[in-house]
Amino acid sequence: MLKGKTALVTGASRGIGRAIALELAGRGMHVAVVYAGNEQAARQTQQEIEAMGAKAQCFACDVSDSAAAAALVKQVQETLGPVYALVNNAGITCDKLALQMRDADFDRVLDVNLKGAFYLIRQCYSGFIRQRGGRIVNISSVAALMGNAGQANYSAAKAGLIGLTKSVARELAGRGVTCNAVAPGMIETDMTRAMPEKAQSALLAQIPLGCAGTPRQVAALVGFLCADEAAYITGAVIPVDGGLCM
């Protein structure tokens, strides 16, 4: 049962992260709504959760900062209780062809998308061991599975998340903690809506189901992976992509 347990969701102010926060709240969890800069959007997520009768609190954090990640987990534990479900959803893009990509472009994307997830897993690790249970879900991407032109940094970071997922899954399995990765494809978010229409059409043409997915569809899978019914699933990488990577 997830009711009364605490979930920490990064990048929860909008898009997939917001949908995940609402899904877990709907399952009775207290939710730490973690955001990087958009406080107004984070507050909106909090209000939506509270309107459902669940408990939520907003926390600002640059997950690429190790000290900030440590402070975040401590604040969440003091405010909402021990973290049972950690969802590493925070991510950024800085797209360029590899030839044109600066060191800073590559480093920043890896710092947020990969190292940020590692920092938070490390901070929650001891708590998971003490409570002999927990759930970690890392939001990867189909870009990790098939690559994407102009996204060498993003694809590398999301592929790194898969390796991190499998290693942590092996380390914590004996303590009843599962660690899985979800790999969304083309999902209807602000990021995809900002794509040129031609690029959207080209991508849709590659998807066997012929349409984009929704944040709620990704969130439903995350909710399942956090539930008792998924206790025998760990180290898995599950695409939500309409068959794109089939």
Protein backbone atom coordinates (compact mmCIF):
# COMPACT_ATOMS: atom_id res chain seq x y z
CA MET A 1 0.00 0.00 0.00
CA LEU A 2 1.27 3.47 -0.90
CA LYS A 3 -1.20 5.43 1.23
CA GLY A 4 0.58 7.73 3.67
CA LYS A 5 4.04 7.07 2.21
CA THR A 6 6.19 9.82 0.74
CA ALA A 7 7.19 10.27 -2.90
CA LEU A 8 9.87 12.67 -4.08
CA VAL A 9 9.34 13.69 -7.71
CA THR A 10 11.82 15.94 -9.49
CA GLY A 11 10.80 18.14 -12.40
CA ALA A 12 7.27 17.98 -10.99
CA SER A 13 6.11 21.48 -11.91
CA ARG A 14 4.76 20.54 -15.35
CA GLY A 15 4.53 17.95 -18.09
CA ILE A 16 5.39 14.35 -17.26
CA GLY A 17 6.60 15.24 -13.77
CA ARG A 18 3.34 16.94 -12.85
CA ALA A 19 1.35 13.97 -14.15
CA ILE A 20 3.48 11.61 -12.06
CA ALA A 21 3.02 13.73 -8.94
CA LEU A 22 -0.76 13.69 -9.44
CA GLU A 23 -0.79 9.94 -10.11
CA LEU A 24 1.10 9.16 -6.91
CA ALA A 25 -1.08 11.55 -4.91
CA GLY A 26 -4.10 9.74 -6.33
CA ARG A 27 -2.65 6.55 -4.86
CA GLY A 28 -2.58 8.19 -1.44
CA MET A 29 1.05 9.29 -1.26
CA HIS A 30 2.42 12.50 0.22
CA VAL A 31 4.32 14.22 -2.61
CA ALA A 32 7.44 16.37 -2.55
CA VAL A 33 7.02 18.55 -5.64
CA VAL A 34 10.57 19.40 -6.67
CA TYR A 35 11.22 22.13 -9.22
CA ALA A 36 14.21 24.05 -10.57
CA GLY A 37 12.88 27.53 -11.33
CA ASN A 38 9.17 27.72 -12.09
CA GLU A 39 7.71 28.18 -8.61
CA GLN A 40 4.30 29.24 -9.90
CA ALA A 41 3.87 26.02 -11.87
CA ALA A 42 5.08 23.98 -8.89
CA ARG A 43 2.54 25.69 -6.64
CA GLN A 44 -0.16 24.83 -9.15
CA THR A 45 0.85 21.16 -8.96
CA GLN A 46 0.73 21.37 -5.17
CA GLN A 47 -2.74 22.93 -5.26
CA GLU A 48 -4.03 20.23 -7.61
CA ILE A 49 -2.72 17.55 -5.26
CA GLU A 50 -4.23 19.20 -2.21
CA ALA A 51 -7.56 19.50 -4.03
CA MET A 52 -7.47 15.69 -4.25
CA GLY A 53 -7.18 15.52 -0.47
CA ALA A 54 -3.52 14.51 -0.49
CA LYS A 55 -0.53 16.20 1.12
CA ALA A 56 2.12 18.03 -0.92
CA GLN A 57 4.97 20.45 -0.42
CA CYS A 58 7.09 22.35 -2.95
CA PHE A 59 10.88 22.30 -2.83
CA ALA A 60 13.25 24.25 -5.07
CA CYS A 61 16.43 22.39 -5.97
CA ASP A 62 19.15 22.31 -8.60
CA VAL A 63 19.61 18.55 -8.64
CA SER A 64 22.98 18.89 -10.37
CA ASP A 65 24.34 20.36 -7.11
CA SER A 66 25.33 17.53 -4.76
CA ALA A 67 24.98 19.65 -1.62
CA ALA A 68 21.57 20.92 -2.74
CA ALA A 69 20.41 17.34 -3.33
CA ALA A 70 21.50 16.38 0.18
CA ALA A 71 19.68 19.37 1.67
CA LEU A 72 16.56 18.54 -0.35
CA VAL A 73 16.28 14.98 0.92
CA LYS A 74 16.79 16.14 4.50
CA GLN A 75 14.04 18.77 4.12
CA VAL A 76 11.64 16.28 2.58
CA GLN A 77 12.25 13.77 5.36
CA GLU A 78 11.68 16.41 8.02
CA THR A 79 8.53 17.76 6.34
CA LEU A 80 6.80 14.75 4.80
CA GLY A 81 8.57 11.73 6.27
CA PRO A 82 10.95 9.05 4.94
CA VAL A 83 11.13 8.83 1.16
CA TYR A 84 9.54 5.60 -0.10
CA ALA A 85 9.35 6.44 -3.83
CA LEU A 86 12.02 8.46 -5.64
CA VAL A 87 11.15 9.50 -9.19
CA ASN A 88 14.07 11.09 -11.05
CA ASN A 89 12.28 13.00 -13.78
CA ALA A 90 14.19 16.31 -13.91
CA GLY A 91 15.79 16.85 -17.29
CA ILE A 92 16.98 19.50 -19.72
CA THR A 93 18.03 19.61 -23.36
CA CYS A 94 20.65 21.61 -25.19
CA ASP A 95 20.50 20.28 -28.72
CA LYS A 96 23.27 20.72 -31.28
CA LEU A 97 25.09 18.52 -33.74
CA ALA A 98 28.07 16.89 -32.05
CA LEU A 99 30.46 18.95 -34.18
CA GLN A 100 28.94 22.17 -32.83
CA MET A 101 28.37 21.09 -29.24
CA ARG A 102 30.40 22.96 -26.65
CA ASP A 103 31.87 21.30 -23.58
CA ALA A 104 29.44 23.29 -21.43
CA ASP A 105 26.46 22.05 -23.48
CA PHE A 106 27.49 18.44 -22.95
CA ASP A 107 28.40 18.81 -19.29
CA ARG A 108 25.26 20.67 -18.22
CA VAL A 109 22.91 18.08 -19.68
CA LEU A 110 24.80 15.22 -18.04
CA ASP A 111 24.98 17.13 -14.75
CA VAL A 112 21.21 17.55 -14.54
CA ASN A 113 19.88 14.45 -16.29
CA LEU A 114 22.34 11.84 -15.03
CA LYS A 115 24.36 13.11 -12.09
CA GLY A 116 21.25 14.68 -10.54
CA ALA A 117 19.58 11.26 -10.44
CA PHE A 118 22.69 9.70 -8.93
CA TYR A 119 22.94 12.37 -6.22
CA LEU A 120 19.36 11.81 -5.12
CA ILE A 121 19.64 8.03 -5.18
CA ARG A 122 22.76 8.29 -3.04
CA GLN A 123 21.00 10.54 -0.53
CA CYS A 124 17.97 8.23 -0.26
CA TYR A 125 20.05 5.03 -0.24
CA SER A 126 20.51 4.67 3.53
CA GLY A 127 16.85 5.35 4.17
CA PHE A 128 15.83 2.63 1.72
CA ILE A 129 18.12 0.19 3.50
CA ARG A 130 16.80 1.08 6.96
CA GLN A 131 13.15 0.72 5.95
CA ARG A 132 13.87 -2.42 3.90
CA GLY A 133 11.73 -1.25 1.03
CA GLY A 134 11.25 1.47 -1.53
CA ARG A 135 10.87 2.33 -5.16
CA ILE A 136 13.16 4.19 -7.54
CA VAL A 137 11.94 5.12 -11.02
CA ASN A 138 14.29 6.90 -13.40
CA ILE A 139 12.75 8.65 -16.39
CA SER A 140 15.01 7.85 -19.33
CA SER A 141 14.04 8.26 -23.00
CA VAL A 142 13.81 6.43 -26.29
CA ALA A 143 16.79 8.62 -27.22
CA ALA A 144 18.80 6.33 -24.95
CA LEU A 145 17.68 3.26 -26.87
CA MET A 146 17.98 4.47 -30.47
CA GLY A 147 19.94 7.73 -30.38
CA ASN A 148 18.78 11.01 -31.86
CA ALA A 149 20.63 13.35 -34.19
CA GLY A 150 21.50 16.60 -32.44
CA GLN A 151 21.14 15.05 -28.99
CA ALA A 152 24.47 13.36 -28.29
CA ASN A 153 24.50 14.86 -24.79
CA TYR A 154 20.85 14.05 -24.00
CA SER A 155 21.05 10.52 -25.43
CA ALA A 156 24.27 9.83 -23.52
CA ALA A 157 22.75 11.06 -20.26
CA LYS A 158 19.56 9.05 -20.68
CA ALA A 159 21.55 5.95 -21.66
CA GLY A 160 23.66 6.50 -18.55
CA LEU A 161 20.45 6.46 -16.51
CA ILE A 162 19.75 2.96 -17.76
CA GLY A 163 23.15 1.73 -16.59
CA LEU A 164 22.63 3.50 -13.26
CA THR A 165 19.20 1.88 -12.94
CA LYS A 166 20.48 -1.65 -13.47
CA SER A 167 23.43 -1.22 -11.10
CA VAL A 168 21.33 0.24 -8.30
CA ALA A 169 18.67 -2.43 -8.86
CA ARG A 170 21.29 -5.11 -8.21
CA GLU A 171 22.66 -3.32 -5.15
CA LEU A 172 19.31 -2.80 -3.41
CA ALA A 173 17.35 -5.88 -4.48
CA GLY A 174 18.23 -7.72 -1.27
CA ARG A 175 16.60 -4.95 0.75
CA GLY A 176 13.28 -5.10 -1.04
CA VAL A 177 13.96 -1.95 -3.06
CA THR A 178 13.22 -1.91 -6.78
CA CYS A 179 14.81 0.39 -9.34
CA ASN A 180 13.40 0.68 -12.84
CA ALA A 181 13.61 3.00 -15.84
CA VAL A 182 10.80 4.31 -18.01
CA ALA A 183 11.68 5.44 -21.54
CA PRO A 184 9.05 7.80 -22.98
CA GLY A 185 8.90 8.45 -26.69
CA MET A 186 7.04 11.38 -28.25
CA ILE A 187 4.84 12.67 -25.44
CA GLU A 188 2.56 15.72 -25.62
CA THR A 189 4.49 18.24 -23.53
CA ASP A 190 5.64 21.85 -23.89
CA MET A 191 8.92 20.51 -25.28
CA THR A 192 7.35 18.52 -28.10
CA ARG A 193 4.76 21.20 -28.87
CA ALA A 194 7.65 23.62 -29.44
CA MET A 195 9.08 21.39 -32.18
CA PRO A 196 8.65 22.61 -35.78
CA GLU A 197 5.55 21.10 -37.38
CA LYS A 198 7.66 19.39 -40.03
CA ALA A 199 9.78 17.67 -37.38
CA GLN A 200 6.68 16.57 -35.47
CA SER A 201 5.16 15.08 -38.60
CA ALA A 202 8.36 13.23 -39.47
CA LEU A 203 8.54 11.71 -35.98
CA LEU A 204 4.87 10.73 -35.93
CA ALA A 205 5.37 8.92 -39.23
CA GLN A 206 7.86 6.60 -37.51
CA ILE A 207 5.49 5.65 -34.67
CA PRO A 208 3.52 2.45 -35.39
CA LEU A 209 0.53 3.65 -33.32
CA GLY A 210 0.60 6.88 -35.31
CA CYS A 211 0.15 9.32 -32.46
CA ALA A 212 1.93 10.97 -29.55
CA GLY A 213 1.46 9.73 -26.01
CA THR A 214 0.28 11.73 -23.03
CA PRO A 215 1.99 12.52 -19.72
CA ARG A 216 -0.80 10.64 -17.95
CA GLN A 217 0.07 7.44 -19.82
CA VAL A 218 3.67 7.69 -18.62
CA ALA A 219 2.50 8.52 -15.10
CA ALA A 220 0.23 5.47 -14.98
CA LEU A 221 3.24 3.21 -15.56
CA VAL A 222 5.27 5.01 -12.90
CA GLY A 223 2.40 4.62 -10.45
CA PHE A 224 2.27 0.90 -11.14
CA LEU A 225 6.04 0.53 -10.69
CA CYS A 226 5.75 2.20 -7.28
CA ALA A 227 2.91 -0.07 -6.18
CA ASP A 228 3.05 -3.40 -4.35
CA GLU A 229 1.93 -5.19 -7.52
CA ALA A 230 5.28 -4.34 -9.14
CA ALA A 231 7.42 -5.70 -6.30
CA TYR A 232 8.89 -8.39 -8.58
CA ILE A 233 9.97 -5.96 -11.31
CA THR A 234 13.44 -4.45 -10.98
CA GLY A 235 16.21 -3.43 -13.34
CA ALA A 236 13.68 -3.13 -16.16
CA VAL A 237 13.64 -0.52 -18.93
CA ILE A 238 10.09 -0.02 -20.17
CA PRO A 239 9.37 2.13 -23.24
CA VAL A 240 6.20 4.19 -23.51
CA ASP A 241 6.61 5.08 -27.16
CA GLY A 242 3.78 3.77 -29.33
CA GLY A 243 6.08 1.08 -30.72
CA LEU A 244 8.78 3.49 -31.91
CA CYS A 245 11.63 1.32 -30.62
CA MET A 246 10.00 -1.98 -31.53
